[in-house]
Amino acid sequence: MPTYRNLDKSPRIFFMPGDQIFPWAIIFGLSFVILKKVLGLSWIWVIVTSGWGMATWWVLTFGGMYAFFGRLVETPNWTRAIVPYQSVLSSGEAQSQRKRNRRLLDE
């Protein structure tokens, strides 16, 4: 039995995760200012829009942003090719070397 049960838990205020309070407050404040003050819409629109914004923010940041955005990035497909190395910088020199090698093989 661990001595400090709450040591590894994330902070919470009632049902709200502690790291979401400030972003949710900003989302609610922006939706209030834009919808209520600027556009003059009712409180229903403010609550619905801020709830949608808070839910979206929570889904995107739940367990870290990498948990959501990591699924959108395709993993690279690494393949091994058996091709001789050809220098790009000295292509004229490489061509003359290949001609010399072919002559030696033909002889």
PDB file of N, CA and C in Angstrom:
ATOM      1  N   MET A   1       0.854  -1.182   0.000  1.00  0.00           N
ATOM      2  CA  MET A   1       0.000   0.000   0.000  1.00  0.00           C
ATOM      3  C   MET A   1       0.892   1.234   0.000  1.00  0.00           C
ATOM      4  N   PRO A   2       0.729   2.078  -1.034  1.00  0.00           N
ATOM      5  CA  PRO A   2       1.580   3.268  -1.101  1.00  0.00           C
ATOM      6  C   PRO A   2       1.243   4.262   0.004  1.00  0.00           C
ATOM      7  N   THR A   3       2.257   4.966   0.430  1.00  0.00           N
ATOM      8  CA  THR A   3       2.066   5.951   1.482  1.00  0.00           C
ATOM      9  C   THR A   3       1.290   7.158   0.980  1.00  0.00           C
ATOM     10  N   TYR A   4       1.642   7.618  -0.234  1.00  0.00           N
ATOM     11  CA  TYR A   4       0.970   8.787  -0.804  1.00  0.00           C
ATOM     12  C   TYR A   4       0.161   8.335  -2.013  1.00  0.00           C
ATOM     13  N   ARG A   5      -1.122   8.100  -1.820  1.00  0.00           N
ATOM     14  CA  ARG A   5      -1.974   7.600  -2.900  1.00  0.00           C
ATOM     15  C   ARG A   5      -2.164   8.627  -4.000  1.00  0.00           C
ATOM     16  N   ASN A   6      -2.149   9.894  -3.668  1.00  0.00           N
ATOM     17  CA  ASN A   6      -2.416  10.945  -4.657  1.00  0.00           C
ATOM     18  C   ASN A   6      -1.155  11.453  -5.335  1.00  0.00           C
ATOM     19  N   LEU A   7      -0.031  10.812  -5.123  1.00  0.00           N
ATOM     20  CA  LEU A   7       1.227  11.316  -5.645  1.00  0.00           C
ATOM     21  C   LEU A   7       1.284  11.293  -7.165  1.00  0.00           C
ATOM     22  N   ASP A   8       0.791  10.245  -7.785  1.00  0.00           N
ATOM     23  CA  ASP A   8       0.863  10.123  -9.237  1.00  0.00           C
ATOM     24  C   ASP A   8      -0.398  10.591  -9.957  1.00  0.00           C
ATOM     25  N   LYS A   9      -1.357  11.113  -9.248  1.00  0.00           N
ATOM     26  CA  LYS A   9      -2.599  11.553  -9.877  1.00  0.00           C
ATOM     27  C   LYS A   9      -2.471  13.000 -10.350  1.00  0.00           C
ATOM     28  N   SER A  10      -3.189  13.315 -11.425  1.00  0.00           N
ATOM     29  CA  SER A  10      -3.180  14.688 -11.920  1.00  0.00           C
ATOM     30  C   SER A  10      -4.138  15.534 -11.083  1.00  0.00           C
ATOM     31  N   PRO A  11      -3.865  16.827 -10.949  1.00  0.00           N
ATOM     32  CA  PRO A  11      -4.730  17.674 -10.124  1.00  0.00           C
ATOM     33  C   PRO A  11      -6.115  17.834 -10.742  1.00  0.00           C
ATOM     34  N   ARG A  12      -7.119  17.883  -9.880  1.00  0.00           N
ATOM     35  CA  ARG A  12      -8.506  18.041 -10.320  1.00  0.00           C
ATOM     36  C   ARG A  12      -9.215  19.016  -9.388  1.00  0.00           C
ATOM     37  N   ILE A  13     -10.163  19.735  -9.939  1.00  0.00           N
ATOM     38  CA  ILE A  13     -11.058  20.569  -9.154  1.00  0.00           C
ATOM     39  C   ILE A  13     -12.459  20.042  -9.435  1.00  0.00           C
ATOM     40  N   PHE A  14     -12.998  19.340  -8.469  1.00  0.00           N
ATOM     41  CA  PHE A  14     -14.252  18.600  -8.609  1.00  0.00           C
ATOM     42  C   PHE A  14     -14.129  17.625  -9.770  1.00  0.00           C
ATOM     43  N   PHE A  15     -14.848  17.865 -10.859  1.00  0.00           N
ATOM     44  CA  PHE A  15     -14.799  16.959 -12.003  1.00  0.00           C
ATOM     45  C   PHE A  15     -13.865  17.439 -13.097  1.00  0.00           C
ATOM     46  N   MET A  16     -13.344  18.657 -12.966  1.00  0.00           N
ATOM     47  CA  MET A  16     -12.539  19.254 -14.028  1.00  0.00           C
ATOM     48  C   MET A  16     -11.062  18.948 -13.843  1.00  0.00           C
ATOM     49  N   PRO A  17     -10.378  18.519 -14.909  1.00  0.00           N
ATOM     50  CA  PRO A  17      -8.931  18.336 -14.820  1.00  0.00           C
ATOM     51  C   PRO A  17      -8.243  19.686 -14.595  1.00  0.00           C
ATOM     52  N   GLY A  18      -7.244  19.701 -13.745  1.00  0.00           N
ATOM     53  CA  GLY A  18      -6.592  20.953 -13.378  1.00  0.00           C
ATOM     54  C   GLY A  18      -5.884  21.653 -14.521  1.00  0.00           C
ATOM     55  N   ASP A  19      -5.350  20.882 -15.478  1.00  0.00           N
ATOM     56  CA  ASP A  19      -4.629  21.511 -16.586  1.00  0.00           C
ATOM     57  C   ASP A  19      -5.565  22.059 -17.657  1.00  0.00           C
ATOM     58  N   GLN A  20      -6.868  21.855 -17.519  1.00  0.00           N
ATOM     59  CA  GLN A  20      -7.830  22.340 -18.503  1.00  0.00           C
ATOM     60  C   GLN A  20      -8.552  23.618 -18.081  1.00  0.00           C
ATOM     61  N   ILE A  21      -8.352  24.068 -16.854  1.00  0.00           N
ATOM     62  CA  ILE A  21      -9.142  25.192 -16.344  1.00  0.00           C
ATOM     63  C   ILE A  21      -8.880  26.479 -17.119  1.00  0.00           C
ATOM     64  N   PHE A  22      -7.614  26.830 -17.297  1.00  0.00           N
ATOM     65  CA  PHE A  22      -7.313  28.088 -17.996  1.00  0.00           C
ATOM     66  C   PHE A  22      -7.697  28.050 -19.473  1.00  0.00           C
ATOM     67  N   PRO A  23      -7.402  26.972 -20.223  1.00  0.00           N
ATOM     68  CA  PRO A  23      -7.879  26.947 -21.613  1.00  0.00           C
ATOM     69  C   PRO A  23      -9.395  26.998 -21.723  1.00  0.00           C
ATOM     70  N   TRP A  24     -10.099  26.297 -20.819  1.00  0.00           N
ATOM     71  CA  TRP A  24     -11.552  26.335 -20.869  1.00  0.00           C
ATOM     72  C   TRP A  24     -12.080  27.727 -20.533  1.00  0.00           C
ATOM     73  N   ALA A  25     -11.442  28.415 -19.599  1.00  0.00           N
ATOM     74  CA  ALA A  25     -11.860  29.782 -19.274  1.00  0.00           C
ATOM     75  C   ALA A  25     -11.647  30.707 -20.466  1.00  0.00           C
ATOM     76  N   ILE A  26     -10.545  30.537 -21.167  1.00  0.00           N
ATOM     77  CA  ILE A  26     -10.280  31.356 -22.353  1.00  0.00           C
ATOM     78  C   ILE A  26     -11.300  31.057 -23.449  1.00  0.00           C
ATOM     79  N   ILE A  27     -11.609  29.787 -23.663  1.00  0.00           N
ATOM     80  CA  ILE A  27     -12.594  29.411 -24.676  1.00  0.00           C
ATOM     81  C   ILE A  27     -13.960  29.990 -24.332  1.00  0.00           C
ATOM     82  N   PHE A  28     -14.362  29.894 -23.055  1.00  0.00           N
ATOM     83  CA  PHE A  28     -15.654  30.457 -22.658  1.00  0.00           C
ATOM     84  C   PHE A  28     -15.651  31.980 -22.803  1.00  0.00           C
ATOM     85  N   GLY A  29     -14.560  32.622 -22.406  1.00  0.00           N
ATOM     86  CA  GLY A  29     -14.476  34.083 -22.521  1.00  0.00           C
ATOM     87  C   GLY A  29     -14.548  34.554 -23.968  1.00  0.00           C
ATOM     88  N   LEU A  30     -13.835  33.879 -24.847  1.00  0.00           N
ATOM     89  CA  LEU A  30     -13.877  34.267 -26.264  1.00  0.00           C
ATOM     90  C   LEU A  30     -15.250  34.044 -26.867  1.00  0.00           C
ATOM     91  N   SER A  31     -15.880  32.916 -26.557  1.00  0.00           N
ATOM     92  CA  SER A  31     -17.213  32.686 -27.105  1.00  0.00           C
ATOM     93  C   SER A  31     -18.229  33.667 -26.519  1.00  0.00           C
ATOM     94  N   PHE A  32     -18.056  34.058 -25.251  1.00  0.00           N
ATOM     95  CA  PHE A  32     -18.948  35.061 -24.666  1.00  0.00           C
ATOM     96  C   PHE A  32     -18.790  36.406 -25.366  1.00  0.00           C
ATOM     97  N   VAL A  33     -17.546  36.834 -25.531  1.00  0.00           N
ATOM     98  CA  VAL A  33     -17.310  38.144 -26.149  1.00  0.00           C
ATOM     99  C   VAL A  33     -17.793  38.156 -27.589  1.00  0.00           C
ATOM    100  N   ILE A  34     -17.456  37.112 -28.339  1.00  0.00           N
ATOM    101  CA  ILE A  34     -17.819  37.114 -29.763  1.00  0.00           C
ATOM    102  C   ILE A  34     -19.322  36.937 -29.962  1.00  0.00           C
ATOM    103  N   LEU A  35     -19.915  35.976 -29.267  1.00  0.00           N
ATOM    104  CA  LEU A  35     -21.319  35.672 -29.538  1.00  0.00           C
ATOM    105  C   LEU A  35     -22.291  36.591 -28.804  1.00  0.00           C
ATOM    106  N   LYS A  36     -21.996  36.925 -27.560  1.00  0.00           N
ATOM    107  CA  LYS A  36     -22.944  37.720 -26.772  1.00  0.00           C
ATOM    108  C   LYS A  36     -22.749  39.217 -27.002  1.00  0.00           C
ATOM    109  N   LYS A  37     -21.505  39.673 -26.923  1.00  0.00           N
ATOM    110  CA  LYS A  37     -21.252  41.116 -27.023  1.00  0.00           C
ATOM    111  C   LYS A  37     -21.218  41.606 -28.466  1.00  0.00           C
ATOM    112  N   VAL A  38     -20.511  40.891 -29.327  1.00  0.00           N
ATOM    113  CA  VAL A  38     -20.357  41.374 -30.704  1.00  0.00           C
ATOM    114  C   VAL A  38     -21.572  41.039 -31.556  1.00  0.00           C
ATOM    115  N   LEU A  39     -21.991  39.769 -31.547  1.00  0.00           N
ATOM    116  CA  LEU A  39     -23.098  39.366 -32.405  1.00  0.00           C
ATOM    117  C   LEU A  39     -24.474  39.496 -31.745  1.00  0.00           C
ATOM    118  N   GLY A  40     -24.522  39.636 -30.418  1.00  0.00           N
ATOM    119  CA  GLY A  40     -25.782  39.820 -29.718  1.00  0.00           C
ATOM    120  C   GLY A  40     -26.658  38.580 -29.674  1.00  0.00           C
ATOM    121  N   LEU A  41     -26.066  37.392 -29.703  1.00  0.00           N
ATOM    122  CA  LEU A  41     -26.847  36.156 -29.654  1.00  0.00           C
ATOM    123  C   LEU A  41     -27.221  35.821 -28.215  1.00  0.00           C
ATOM    124  N   SER A  42     -28.086  34.836 -28.045  1.00  0.00           N
ATOM    125  CA  SER A  42     -28.562  34.474 -26.709  1.00  0.00           C
ATOM    126  C   SER A  42     -27.527  33.622 -25.973  1.00  0.00           C
ATOM    127  N   TRP A  43     -27.809  33.376 -24.669  1.00  0.00           N
ATOM    128  CA  TRP A  43     -26.918  32.591 -23.829  1.00  0.00           C
ATOM    129  C   TRP A  43     -26.833  31.142 -24.286  1.00  0.00           C
ATOM    130  N   ILE A  44     -27.886  30.667 -24.927  1.00  0.00           N
ATOM    131  CA  ILE A  44     -27.885  29.286 -25.416  1.00  0.00           C
ATOM    132  C   ILE A  44     -26.734  29.077 -26.395  1.00  0.00           C
ATOM    133  N   TRP A  45     -26.563  30.037 -27.310  1.00  0.00           N
ATOM    134  CA  TRP A  45     -25.485  29.921 -28.292  1.00  0.00           C
ATOM    135  C   TRP A  45     -24.117  30.017 -27.631  1.00  0.00           C
ATOM    136  N   VAL A  46     -24.004  30.855 -26.620  1.00  0.00           N
ATOM    137  CA  VAL A  46     -22.729  30.982 -25.907  1.00  0.00           C
ATOM    138  C   VAL A  46     -22.378  29.668 -25.214  1.00  0.00           C
ATOM    139  N   ILE A  47     -23.353  29.057 -24.543  1.00  0.00           N
ATOM    140  CA  ILE A  47     -23.107  27.818 -23.810  1.00  0.00           C
ATOM    141  C   ILE A  47     -22.810  26.668 -24.772  1.00  0.00           C
ATOM    142  N   VAL A  48     -23.581  26.569 -25.854  1.00  0.00           N
ATOM    143  CA  VAL A  48     -23.369  25.485 -26.822  1.00  0.00           C
ATOM    144  C   VAL A  48     -22.011  25.623 -27.495  1.00  0.00           C
ATOM    145  N   THR A  49     -21.669  26.828 -27.920  1.00  0.00           N
ATOM    146  CA  THR A  49     -20.390  27.040 -28.603  1.00  0.00           C
ATOM    147  C   THR A  49     -19.213  26.844 -27.664  1.00  0.00           C
ATOM    148  N   SER A  50     -19.298  27.358 -26.456  1.00  0.00           N
ATOM    149  CA  SER A  50     -18.196  27.170 -25.515  1.00  0.00           C
ATOM    150  C   SER A  50     -18.088  25.705 -25.099  1.00  0.00           C
ATOM    151  N   GLY A  51     -19.218  24.999 -24.936  1.00  0.00           N
ATOM    152  CA  GLY A  51     -19.174  23.571 -24.632  1.00  0.00           C
ATOM    153  C   GLY A  51     -18.518  22.775 -25.749  1.00  0.00           C
ATOM    154  N   TRP A  52     -18.837  23.119 -26.994  1.00  0.00           N
ATOM    155  CA  TRP A  52     -18.218  22.467 -28.138  1.00  0.00           C
ATOM    156  C   TRP A  52     -16.714  22.744 -28.159  1.00  0.00           C
ATOM    157  N   GLY A  53     -16.334  23.987 -27.909  1.00  0.00           N
ATOM    158  CA  GLY A  53     -14.917  24.342 -27.897  1.00  0.00           C
ATOM    159  C   GLY A  53     -14.158  23.652 -26.777  1.00  0.00           C
ATOM    160  N   MET A  54     -14.765  23.594 -25.593  1.00  0.00           N
ATOM    161  CA  MET A  54     -14.115  22.922 -24.462  1.00  0.00           C
ATOM    162  C   MET A  54     -13.965  21.430 -24.720  1.00  0.00           C
ATOM    163  N   ALA A  55     -14.999  20.802 -25.278  1.00  0.00           N
ATOM    164  CA  ALA A  55     -14.929  19.370 -25.575  1.00  0.00           C
ATOM    165  C   ALA A  55     -13.870  19.085 -26.635  1.00  0.00           C
ATOM    166  N   THR A  56     -13.787  19.941 -27.634  1.00  0.00           N
ATOM    167  CA  THR A  56     -12.778  19.766 -28.671  1.00  0.00           C
ATOM    168  C   THR A  56     -11.381  19.916 -28.092  1.00  0.00           C
ATOM    169  N   TRP A  57     -11.191  20.929 -27.242  1.00  0.00           N
ATOM    170  CA  TRP A  57      -9.891  21.128 -26.629  1.00  0.00           C
ATOM    171  C   TRP A  57      -9.513  19.941 -25.744  1.00  0.00           C
ATOM    172  N   TRP A  58     -10.467  19.413 -25.015  1.00  0.00           N
ATOM    173  CA  TRP A  58     -10.201  18.287 -24.134  1.00  0.00           C
ATOM    174  C   TRP A  58      -9.818  17.039 -24.935  1.00  0.00           C
ATOM    175  N   VAL A  59     -10.522  16.790 -26.047  1.00  0.00           N
ATOM    176  CA  VAL A  59     -10.203  15.631 -26.880  1.00  0.00           C
ATOM    177  C   VAL A  59      -8.811  15.764 -27.482  1.00  0.00           C
ATOM    178  N   LEU A  60      -8.459  16.976 -27.920  1.00  0.00           N
ATOM    179  CA  LEU A  60      -7.151  17.173 -28.543  1.00  0.00           C
ATOM    180  C   LEU A  60      -6.006  17.075 -27.549  1.00  0.00           C
ATOM    181  N   THR A  61      -6.230  17.462 -26.303  1.00  0.00           N
ATOM    182  CA  THR A  61      -5.136  17.490 -25.340  1.00  0.00           C
ATOM    183  C   THR A  61      -5.208  16.368 -24.312  1.00  0.00           C
ATOM    184  N   PHE A  62      -6.157  15.462 -24.417  1.00  0.00           N
ATOM    185  CA  PHE A  62      -6.281  14.366 -23.460  1.00  0.00           C
ATOM    186  C   PHE A  62      -5.087  13.437 -23.599  1.00  0.00           C
ATOM    187  N   GLY A  63      -4.318  13.285 -22.546  1.00  0.00           N
ATOM    188  CA  GLY A  63      -3.141  12.424 -22.586  1.00  0.00           C
ATOM    189  C   GLY A  63      -2.001  13.009 -23.386  1.00  0.00           C
ATOM    190  N   GLY A  64      -2.015  14.282 -23.646  1.00  0.00           N
ATOM    191  CA  GLY A  64      -0.965  14.927 -24.428  1.00  0.00           C
ATOM    192  C   GLY A  64      -1.395  15.066 -25.881  1.00  0.00           C
ATOM    193  N   MET A  65      -0.935  16.090 -26.523  1.00  0.00           N
ATOM    194  CA  MET A  65      -1.315  16.324 -27.914  1.00  0.00           C
ATOM    195  C   MET A  65      -0.806  15.220 -28.833  1.00  0.00           C
ATOM    196  N   TYR A  66       0.302  14.599 -28.463  1.00  0.00           N
ATOM    197  CA  TYR A  66       0.849  13.547 -29.316  1.00  0.00           C
ATOM    198  C   TYR A  66      -0.103  12.362 -29.425  1.00  0.00           C
ATOM    199  N   ALA A  67      -0.954  12.150 -28.418  1.00  0.00           N
ATOM    200  CA  ALA A  67      -1.869  11.016 -28.461  1.00  0.00           C
ATOM    201  C   ALA A  67      -2.872  11.158 -29.599  1.00  0.00           C
ATOM    202  N   PHE A  68      -3.288  12.385 -29.909  1.00  0.00           N
ATOM    203  CA  PHE A  68      -4.230  12.602 -31.006  1.00  0.00           C
ATOM    204  C   PHE A  68      -3.501  12.823 -32.323  1.00  0.00           C
ATOM    205  N   PHE A  69      -2.556  13.762 -32.330  1.00  0.00           N
ATOM    206  CA  PHE A  69      -1.896  14.127 -33.576  1.00  0.00           C
ATOM    207  C   PHE A  69      -0.907  13.064 -34.042  1.00  0.00           C
ATOM    208  N   GLY A  70      -0.460  12.196 -33.138  1.00  0.00           N
ATOM    209  CA  GLY A  70       0.440  11.129 -33.529  1.00  0.00           C
ATOM    210  C   GLY A  70      -0.217  10.129 -34.458  1.00  0.00           C
ATOM    211  N   ARG A  71      -1.521  10.005 -34.392  1.00  0.00           N
ATOM    212  CA  ARG A  71      -2.236   9.093 -35.288  1.00  0.00           C
ATOM    213  C   ARG A  71      -2.357   9.660 -36.692  1.00  0.00           C
ATOM    214  N   LEU A  72      -2.190  10.956 -36.851  1.00  0.00           N
ATOM    215  CA  LEU A  72      -2.347  11.574 -38.160  1.00  0.00           C
ATOM    216  C   LEU A  72      -1.067  11.529 -38.982  1.00  0.00           C
ATOM    217  N   VAL A  73       0.069  11.304 -38.334  1.00  0.00           N
ATOM    218  CA  VAL A  73       1.346  11.286 -39.026  1.00  0.00           C
ATOM    219  C   VAL A  73       1.645   9.858 -39.458  1.00  0.00           C
ATOM    220  N   GLU A  74       1.878   9.677 -40.733  1.00  0.00           N
ATOM    221  CA  GLU A  74       2.148   8.340 -41.241  1.00  0.00           C
ATOM    222  C   GLU A  74       3.585   7.948 -40.915  1.00  0.00           C
ATOM    223  N   THR A  75       3.762   6.736 -40.499  1.00  0.00           N
ATOM    224  CA  THR A  75       5.110   6.265 -40.188  1.00  0.00           C
ATOM    225  C   THR A  75       5.874   6.045 -41.483  1.00  0.00           C
ATOM    226  N   PRO A  76       7.159   6.335 -41.483  1.00  0.00           N
ATOM    227  CA  PRO A  76       7.925   6.173 -42.723  1.00  0.00           C
ATOM    228  C   PRO A  76       8.084   4.698 -43.088  1.00  0.00           C
ATOM    229  N   ASN A  77       8.107   4.448 -44.362  1.00  0.00           N
ATOM    230  CA  ASN A  77       8.286   3.098 -44.862  1.00  0.00           C
ATOM    231  C   ASN A  77       9.745   2.953 -45.290  1.00  0.00           C
ATOM    232  N   TRP A  78      10.551   2.393 -44.414  1.00  0.00           N
ATOM    233  CA  TRP A  78      11.978   2.243 -44.688  1.00  0.00           C
ATOM    234  C   TRP A  78      12.198   0.941 -45.455  1.00  0.00           C
ATOM    235  N   THR A  79      12.894   1.051 -46.563  1.00  0.00           N
ATOM    236  CA  THR A  79      13.237  -0.129 -47.335  1.00  0.00           C
ATOM    237  C   THR A  79      14.733  -0.137 -47.590  1.00  0.00           C
ATOM    238  N   ARG A  80      15.252  -1.312 -47.771  1.00  0.00           N
ATOM    239  CA  ARG A  80      16.669  -1.439 -48.083  1.00  0.00           C
ATOM    240  C   ARG A  80      16.781  -1.779 -49.558  1.00  0.00           C
ATOM    241  N   ALA A  81      17.565  -1.022 -50.254  1.00  0.00           N
ATOM    242  CA  ALA A  81      17.784  -1.269 -51.669  1.00  0.00           C
ATOM    243  C   ALA A  81      19.229  -1.709 -51.875  1.00  0.00           C
ATOM    244  N   ILE A  82      19.414  -2.641 -52.775  1.00  0.00           N
ATOM    245  CA  ILE A  82      20.763  -3.108 -53.079  1.00  0.00           C
ATOM    246  C   ILE A  82      21.176  -2.436 -54.379  1.00  0.00           C
ATOM    247  N   VAL A  83      21.667  -1.233 -54.240  1.00  0.00           N
ATOM    248  CA  VAL A  83      22.090  -0.427 -55.369  1.00  0.00           C
ATOM    249  C   VAL A  83      23.475   0.099 -55.046  1.00  0.00           C
ATOM    250  N   PRO A  84      24.392   0.026 -55.975  1.00  0.00           N
ATOM    251  CA  PRO A  84      25.723   0.575 -55.692  1.00  0.00           C
ATOM    252  C   PRO A  84      25.667   2.096 -55.523  1.00  0.00           C
ATOM    253  N   TYR A  85      26.530   2.583 -54.670  1.00  0.00           N
ATOM    254  CA  TYR A  85      26.561   4.014 -54.390  1.00  0.00           C
ATOM    255  C   TYR A  85      27.101   4.770 -55.589  1.00  0.00           C
ATOM    256  N   GLN A  86      26.408   5.840 -55.981  1.00  0.00           N
ATOM    257  CA  GLN A  86      26.858   6.702 -57.059  1.00  0.00           C
ATOM    258  C   GLN A  86      26.952   8.111 -56.522  1.00  0.00           C
ATOM    259  N   SER A  87      28.107   8.686 -56.632  1.00  0.00           N
ATOM    260  CA  SER A  87      28.320  10.032 -56.132  1.00  0.00           C
ATOM    261  C   SER A  87      27.618  11.036 -57.024  1.00  0.00           C
ATOM    262  N   VAL A  88      26.917  11.960 -56.434  1.00  0.00           N
ATOM    263  CA  VAL A  88      26.203  12.979 -57.181  1.00  0.00           C
ATOM    264  C   VAL A  88      27.138  14.127 -57.536  1.00  0.00           C
ATOM    265  N   LEU A  89      28.063  14.420 -56.657  1.00  0.00           N
ATOM    266  CA  LEU A  89      28.934  15.574 -56.851  1.00  0.00           C
ATOM    267  C   LEU A  89      29.932  15.373 -57.982  1.00  0.00           C
ATOM    268  N   SER A  90      30.432  14.203 -58.132  1.00  0.00           N
ATOM    269  CA  SER A  90      31.430  13.967 -59.174  1.00  0.00           C
ATOM    270  C   SER A  90      30.878  12.971 -60.191  1.00  0.00           C
ATOM    271  N   SER A  91      29.803  13.354 -60.876  1.00  0.00           N
ATOM    272  CA  SER A  91      29.140  12.425 -61.786  1.00  0.00           C
ATOM    273  C   SER A  91      29.992  12.149 -63.022  1.00  0.00           C
ATOM    274  N   GLY A  92      30.709  13.165 -63.551  1.00  0.00           N
ATOM    275  CA  GLY A  92      31.562  12.944 -64.710  1.00  0.00           C
ATOM    276  C   GLY A  92      32.695  11.997 -64.383  1.00  0.00           C
ATOM    277  N   GLU A  93      33.284  12.147 -63.225  1.00  0.00           N
ATOM    278  CA  GLU A  93      34.356  11.263 -62.787  1.00  0.00           C
ATOM    279  C   GLU A  93      33.830   9.853 -62.559  1.00  0.00           C
ATOM    280  N   ALA A  94      32.630   9.742 -62.034  1.00  0.00           N
ATOM    281  CA  ALA A  94      32.048   8.431 -61.784  1.00  0.00           C
ATOM    282  C   ALA A  94      31.745   7.715 -63.094  1.00  0.00           C
ATOM    283  N   GLN A  95      31.291   8.452 -64.110  1.00  0.00           N
ATOM    284  CA  GLN A  95      31.020   7.830 -65.405  1.00  0.00           C
ATOM    285  C   GLN A  95      32.298   7.310 -66.043  1.00  0.00           C
ATOM    286  N   SER A  96      33.363   8.090 -65.975  1.00  0.00           N
ATOM    287  CA  SER A  96      34.623   7.627 -66.555  1.00  0.00           C
ATOM    288  C   SER A  96      35.144   6.409 -65.791  1.00  0.00           C
ATOM    289  N   GLN A  97      34.944   6.361 -64.474  1.00  0.00           N
ATOM    290  CA  GLN A  97      35.353   5.204 -63.681  1.00  0.00           C
ATOM    291  C   GLN A  97      34.561   3.964 -64.091  1.00  0.00           C
ATOM    292  N   ARG A  98      33.275   4.126 -64.348  1.00  0.00           N
ATOM    293  CA  ARG A  98      32.447   3.006 -64.771  1.00  0.00           C
ATOM    294  C   ARG A  98      32.889   2.487 -66.137  1.00  0.00           C
ATOM    295  N   LYS A  99      33.230   3.409 -67.041  1.00  0.00           N
ATOM    296  CA  LYS A  99      33.707   2.982 -68.358  1.00  0.00           C
ATOM    297  C   LYS A  99      34.997   2.189 -68.223  1.00  0.00           C
ATOM    298  N   ARG A 100      35.891   2.649 -67.341  1.00  0.00           N
ATOM    299  CA  ARG A 100      37.138   1.929 -67.117  1.00  0.00           C
ATOM    300  C   ARG A 100      36.864   0.542 -66.557  1.00  0.00           C
ATOM    301  N   ASN A 101      35.922   0.463 -65.619  1.00  0.00           N
ATOM    302  CA  ASN A 101      35.589  -0.830 -65.026  1.00  0.00           C
ATOM    303  C   ASN A 101      34.981  -1.776 -66.059  1.00  0.00           C
ATOM    304  N   ARG A 102      34.151  -1.254 -66.956  1.00  0.00           N
ATOM    305  CA  ARG A 102      33.551  -2.080 -67.994  1.00  0.00           C
ATOM    306  C   ARG A 102      34.617  -2.598 -68.961  1.00  0.00           C
ATOM    307  N   ARG A 103      35.563  -1.722 -69.319  1.00  0.00           N
ATOM    308  CA  ARG A 103      36.641  -2.152 -70.209  1.00  0.00           C
ATOM    309  C   ARG A 103      37.459  -3.274 -69.584  1.00  0.00           C
ATOM    310  N   LEU A 104      37.708  -3.128 -68.258  1.00  0.00           N
ATOM    311  CA  LEU A 104      38.478  -4.160 -67.594  1.00  0.00           C
ATOM    312  C   LEU A 104      37.717  -5.479 -67.548  1.00  0.00           C
ATOM    313  N   LEU A 105      36.404  -5.408 -67.374  1.00  0.00           N
ATOM    314  CA  LEU A 105      35.590  -6.621 -67.348  1.00  0.00           C
ATOM    315  C   LEU A 105      35.499  -7.283 -68.723  1.00  0.00           C
ATOM    316  N   ASP A 106      35.434  -6.451 -69.777  1.00  0.00           N
ATOM    317  CA  ASP A 106      35.341  -6.985 -71.127  1.00  0.00           C
ATOM    318  C   ASP A 106      36.635  -7.661 -71.556  1.00  0.00           C
ATOM    319  N   GLU A 107      37.740  -7.223 -71.039  1.00  0.00           N
ATOM    320  CA  GLU A 107      39.039  -7.789 -71.452  1.00  0.00           C
ATOM    321  C   GLU A 107      39.321  -9.121 -70.886  1.00  0.00           C
TER     322      GLU A 107
END
